[in-house]
């Protein structure tokens, strides 16, 4: 069989940034310390994607289930979001990064929601990298929302119920205007999807690493891309069909 190209770069990478709390616990520090440390890994991932020519990076920052965590941790995360927006947006904008927050933003306090909307508006014209930050997001929520929006379009007479197929429903999902998800990375040693991008992950390659998120650097991400480049993506075809 012909050798697989080693320089194949995914167009769209998604990351579950797991392990902040355990990283902090190992150092006898509060979980919020780990979340602060994880910001460096976010910068590493953005810089890595810009260097490698990745079109879209989607980060799972806060799931719809994370509201169940202790109130002190949720409060610390919200404060961290505010400070990160104030500190990072200028640099991201200067590097041509388009910021988008996906998820149910109505659950956030007006101050934070307005900051998120402002960051999206300011960077809307950038094209070097789509940086999607999933907050109060769940994959099931995304699919249910898409179904509701499609049903509302049917009620308006834009098309009939029989016209709703996979392609039509996809148009109403959060990342419909971006490349299909190629590579899903989860750090921290867990081997599960955790309700992240359930629609988009259908044919993505999955990569799991035991490295805790604050310890992730560009070398760790390069290992993930090297593993991705060695895989044979068949999309239901046989290996012979792919290589012929």
Protein backbone atom coordinates (compact mmCIF):
# COMPACT_ATOMS: atom_id res chain seq x y z
CA UNK A 1 0.00 0.00 0.00
CA UNK A 2 1.28 3.45 -0.84
CA UNK A 3 2.73 5.48 2.03
CA UNK A 4 0.38 7.97 3.57
CA UNK A 5 1.38 11.63 3.26
CA UNK A 6 3.08 12.89 6.43
CA UNK A 7 2.21 16.54 5.78
CA UNK A 8 -1.57 16.13 5.69
CA UNK A 9 -3.04 18.90 7.85
CA UNK A 10 -6.61 18.81 9.20
CA UNK A 11 -8.72 21.78 8.22
CA UNK A 12 -10.70 21.72 11.44
CA UNK A 13 -9.49 20.63 14.89
CA UNK A 14 -11.65 20.41 18.01
CA UNK A 15 -10.21 20.05 21.50
CA UNK A 16 -11.75 19.03 24.81
CA UNK A 17 -9.40 20.85 27.19
CA UNK A 18 -9.53 18.40 30.06
CA UNK A 19 -7.32 18.09 33.12
CA UNK A 20 -7.07 21.59 34.61
CA UNK A 21 -8.46 20.52 37.98
CA UNK A 22 -6.24 17.44 38.28
CA UNK A 23 -3.21 19.50 37.23
CA UNK A 24 -3.92 21.92 40.07
CA UNK A 25 -4.63 19.12 42.58
CA UNK A 26 -1.24 17.56 41.88
CA UNK A 27 0.27 20.88 42.96
CA UNK A 28 -1.99 21.20 46.02
CA UNK A 29 -3.67 24.24 44.54
CA UNK A 30 -7.37 25.08 43.96
CA UNK A 31 -9.01 24.09 40.67
CA UNK A 32 -9.12 27.73 39.59
CA UNK A 33 -5.31 27.68 39.54
CA UNK A 34 -5.47 24.97 36.88
CA UNK A 35 -7.94 26.95 34.78
CA UNK A 36 -5.58 29.94 34.84
CA UNK A 37 -2.67 27.69 33.84
CA UNK A 38 -4.71 26.31 30.95
CA UNK A 39 -4.76 29.70 29.24
CA UNK A 40 -1.13 29.20 28.17
CA UNK A 41 -2.14 25.98 26.41
CA UNK A 42 -4.89 27.87 24.58
CA UNK A 43 -2.31 30.33 23.28
CA UNK A 44 -0.08 27.42 22.25
CA UNK A 45 -2.95 25.82 20.32
CA UNK A 46 -3.86 29.05 18.53
CA UNK A 47 -0.25 29.72 17.55
CA UNK A 48 0.16 26.12 16.41
CA UNK A 49 -2.92 26.27 14.18
CA UNK A 50 -1.82 29.57 12.66
CA UNK A 51 1.61 28.12 11.84
CA UNK A 52 0.22 24.90 10.39
CA UNK A 53 -2.48 26.55 8.29
CA UNK A 54 -5.45 25.02 10.11
CA UNK A 55 -8.65 26.80 9.09
CA UNK A 56 -10.77 26.26 12.23
CA UNK A 57 -10.06 25.49 15.88
CA UNK A 58 -12.97 24.70 18.19
CA UNK A 59 -12.34 24.64 21.93
CA UNK A 60 -14.71 23.16 24.52
CA UNK A 61 -14.45 25.77 27.28
CA UNK A 62 -17.67 25.34 29.26
CA UNK A 63 -20.33 22.71 28.68
CA UNK A 64 -24.01 23.01 29.48
CA UNK A 65 -23.38 20.38 32.19
CA UNK A 66 -20.61 22.43 33.84
CA UNK A 67 -23.19 24.58 35.64
CA UNK A 68 -23.49 21.64 38.05
CA UNK A 69 -19.95 22.23 39.33
CA UNK A 70 -19.37 24.01 42.67
CA UNK A 71 -20.54 27.63 42.57
CA UNK A 72 -17.07 28.88 43.50
CA UNK A 73 -15.52 27.16 40.50
CA UNK A 74 -18.20 28.42 38.11
CA UNK A 75 -17.73 31.96 39.44
CA UNK A 76 -13.96 31.69 38.99
CA UNK A 77 -14.45 30.48 35.42
CA UNK A 78 -16.73 33.40 34.60
CA UNK A 79 -14.18 35.85 36.01
CA UNK A 80 -11.48 34.13 34.00
CA UNK A 81 -13.52 34.52 30.81
CA UNK A 82 -13.89 38.25 31.43
CA UNK A 83 -10.20 38.79 32.07
CA UNK A 84 -9.16 36.61 29.13
CA UNK A 85 -11.41 38.56 26.78
CA UNK A 86 -9.94 41.86 27.92
CA UNK A 87 -6.38 40.57 27.66
CA UNK A 88 -6.38 38.30 24.60
CA UNK A 89 -8.74 39.85 22.04
CA UNK A 90 -6.29 42.52 20.88
CA UNK A 91 -3.58 39.98 20.13
CA UNK A 92 -5.96 37.53 18.48
CA UNK A 93 -7.37 40.30 16.33
CA UNK A 94 -3.87 41.41 15.38
CA UNK A 95 -3.08 37.87 14.24
CA UNK A 96 -6.17 37.69 12.03
CA UNK A 97 -8.13 35.31 14.27
CA UNK A 98 -11.90 35.36 14.02
CA UNK A 99 -13.49 34.65 17.40
CA UNK A 100 -16.88 33.01 17.68
CA UNK A 101 -18.66 31.80 20.80
CA UNK A 102 -21.04 28.91 20.19
CA UNK A 103 -23.64 27.74 22.67
CA UNK A 104 -26.60 29.20 24.54
CA UNK A 105 -25.18 32.62 25.46
CA UNK A 106 -28.41 33.77 27.10
CA UNK A 107 -27.45 31.94 30.29
CA UNK A 108 -24.51 34.27 30.95
CA UNK A 109 -24.58 37.55 32.84
CA UNK A 110 -25.16 40.58 30.56
CA UNK A 111 -21.65 41.95 31.13
CA UNK A 112 -19.96 38.75 29.99
CA UNK A 113 -22.40 38.20 27.12
CA UNK A 114 -21.80 41.73 25.84
CA UNK A 115 -18.03 41.19 25.98
CA UNK A 116 -18.40 37.99 23.96
CA UNK A 117 -20.60 39.67 21.37
CA UNK A 118 -18.17 42.56 21.16
CA UNK A 119 -15.22 40.22 20.55
CA UNK A 120 -17.14 38.44 17.79
CA UNK A 121 -18.13 41.70 16.13
CA UNK A 122 -14.62 43.12 16.30
CA UNK A 123 -12.96 40.07 14.72
CA UNK A 124 -15.72 39.14 12.26
CA UNK A 125 -13.67 40.10 9.20
CA UNK A 126 -10.56 38.10 10.09
CA UNK A 127 -9.63 35.10 7.97
CA UNK A 128 -6.35 33.61 9.28
CA UNK A 129 -8.10 31.23 11.72
CA UNK A 130 -11.64 30.59 12.93
CA UNK A 131 -11.43 30.20 16.70
CA UNK A 132 -14.71 28.79 17.99
CA UNK A 133 -15.13 28.77 21.76
CA UNK A 134 -17.92 26.48 22.96
CA UNK A 135 -19.54 27.90 26.11
CA UNK A 136 -22.74 26.61 27.68
CA UNK A 137 -22.67 24.26 24.73
CA UNK A 138 -23.85 20.68 24.29
CA UNK A 139 -23.96 18.54 21.17
CA UNK A 140 -27.55 17.51 21.82
CA UNK A 141 -28.50 21.17 22.31
CA UNK A 142 -26.91 21.97 18.93
CA UNK A 143 -28.92 19.27 17.14
CA UNK A 144 -32.17 20.16 18.93
CA UNK A 145 -31.65 23.84 18.08
CA UNK A 146 -31.03 22.98 14.43
CA UNK A 147 -34.23 20.92 14.33
CA UNK A 148 -36.21 23.78 15.90
CA UNK A 149 -34.83 26.33 13.43
CA UNK A 150 -35.64 24.02 10.52
CA UNK A 151 -39.19 23.53 11.86
CA UNK A 152 -39.62 27.30 12.13
CA UNK A 153 -38.52 27.64 8.51
CA UNK A 154 -41.11 25.04 7.51
CA UNK A 155 -43.77 27.00 9.43
CA UNK A 156 -42.81 30.11 7.46
CA UNK A 157 -43.31 28.19 4.23
CA UNK A 158 -39.66 28.31 3.14
CA UNK A 159 -39.65 24.57 2.39
CA UNK A 160 -41.67 21.48 3.25
CA UNK A 161 -41.07 18.84 5.94
CA UNK A 162 -40.04 16.37 3.25
CA UNK A 163 -37.19 18.65 2.23
CA UNK A 164 -35.40 18.23 5.55
CA UNK A 165 -32.46 15.90 5.01
CA UNK A 166 -28.97 15.72 6.52
CA UNK A 167 -27.69 18.55 4.36
CA UNK A 168 -30.61 20.83 5.19
CA UNK A 169 -30.36 20.16 8.93
CA UNK A 170 -26.60 20.68 8.86
CA UNK A 171 -27.19 24.22 7.61
CA UNK A 172 -28.75 25.09 10.98
CA UNK A 173 -25.98 23.71 13.19
CA UNK A 174 -23.55 26.06 14.92
CA UNK A 175 -20.54 25.47 12.66
CA UNK A 176 -22.32 24.99 9.35
CA UNK A 177 -20.22 27.62 7.56
CA UNK A 178 -16.89 26.05 8.52
CA UNK A 179 -14.93 23.03 7.27
CA UNK A 180 -16.06 19.59 8.43
CA UNK A 181 -14.42 18.45 11.65
CA UNK A 182 -11.32 16.40 10.82
CA UNK A 183 -9.58 15.83 14.15
CA UNK A 184 -11.04 15.60 17.66
CA UNK A 185 -8.49 15.80 20.49
CA UNK A 186 -9.19 15.15 24.16
CA UNK A 187 -6.52 15.75 26.76
CA UNK A 188 -6.37 14.52 30.34
CA UNK A 189 -6.69 10.77 29.78
CA UNK A 190 -10.47 10.41 29.50
CA UNK A 191 -11.79 8.44 26.50
CA UNK A 192 -15.23 9.89 25.85
CA UNK A 193 -16.91 12.61 23.79
CA UNK A 194 -18.83 14.31 26.63
CA UNK A 195 -21.65 15.67 24.46
CA UNK A 196 -19.29 17.77 22.30
CA UNK A 197 -19.99 18.38 18.59
CA UNK A 198 -22.06 15.20 18.27
CA UNK A 199 -23.29 16.12 14.79
CA UNK A 200 -19.94 17.31 13.50
CA UNK A 201 -17.89 14.39 14.86
CA UNK A 202 -19.49 11.74 12.63
CA UNK A 203 -16.37 11.13 10.49
CA UNK A 204 -13.72 12.90 12.57
CA UNK A 205 -10.57 11.11 13.67
CA UNK A 206 -10.38 10.77 17.47
CA UNK A 207 -7.14 11.31 19.37
CA UNK A 208 -6.79 10.91 23.13
CA UNK A 209 -3.76 11.86 25.20
CA UNK A 210 -3.01 11.47 28.91
CA UNK A 211 -1.36 14.90 28.96
CA UNK A 212 -3.26 17.31 31.20
CA UNK A 213 -4.40 20.44 29.39
CA UNK A 214 -2.06 22.96 31.10
CA UNK A 215 0.90 20.81 30.00
CA UNK A 216 -0.12 20.71 26.34
CA UNK A 217 2.38 22.47 24.09
CA UNK A 218 3.10 22.60 20.38
CA UNK A 219 5.12 19.37 20.53
CA UNK A 220 2.09 17.56 21.99
CA UNK A 221 -0.16 18.98 19.27
CA UNK A 222 2.39 18.01 16.61
CA UNK A 223 2.19 14.40 17.84
CA UNK A 224 -1.58 14.50 17.35
CA UNK A 225 -1.18 15.79 13.79
CA UNK A 226 1.49 13.19 13.00
CA UNK A 227 -0.90 10.47 14.21
CA UNK A 228 -3.69 11.99 12.11
CA UNK A 229 -1.49 12.05 8.99
CA UNK A 230 -0.81 8.31 9.30
CA UNK A 231 -4.47 7.36 9.37
CA UNK A 232 -6.46 6.17 6.39
CA UNK A 233 -9.76 8.00 6.18
CA UNK A 234 -12.11 5.74 4.22
CA UNK A 235 -15.59 7.29 4.73
CA UNK A 236 -17.22 3.90 4.23
CA UNK A 237 -15.01 2.85 1.33
CA UNK A 238 -12.46 0.02 1.33
CA UNK A 239 -8.76 0.63 1.74
CA UNK A 240 -8.24 -0.45 -1.88
CA UNK A 241 -10.69 2.17 -3.10
CA UNK A 242 -8.92 4.90 -1.12
CA UNK A 243 -5.47 4.07 -2.46
CA UNK A 244 -6.50 3.41 -6.06
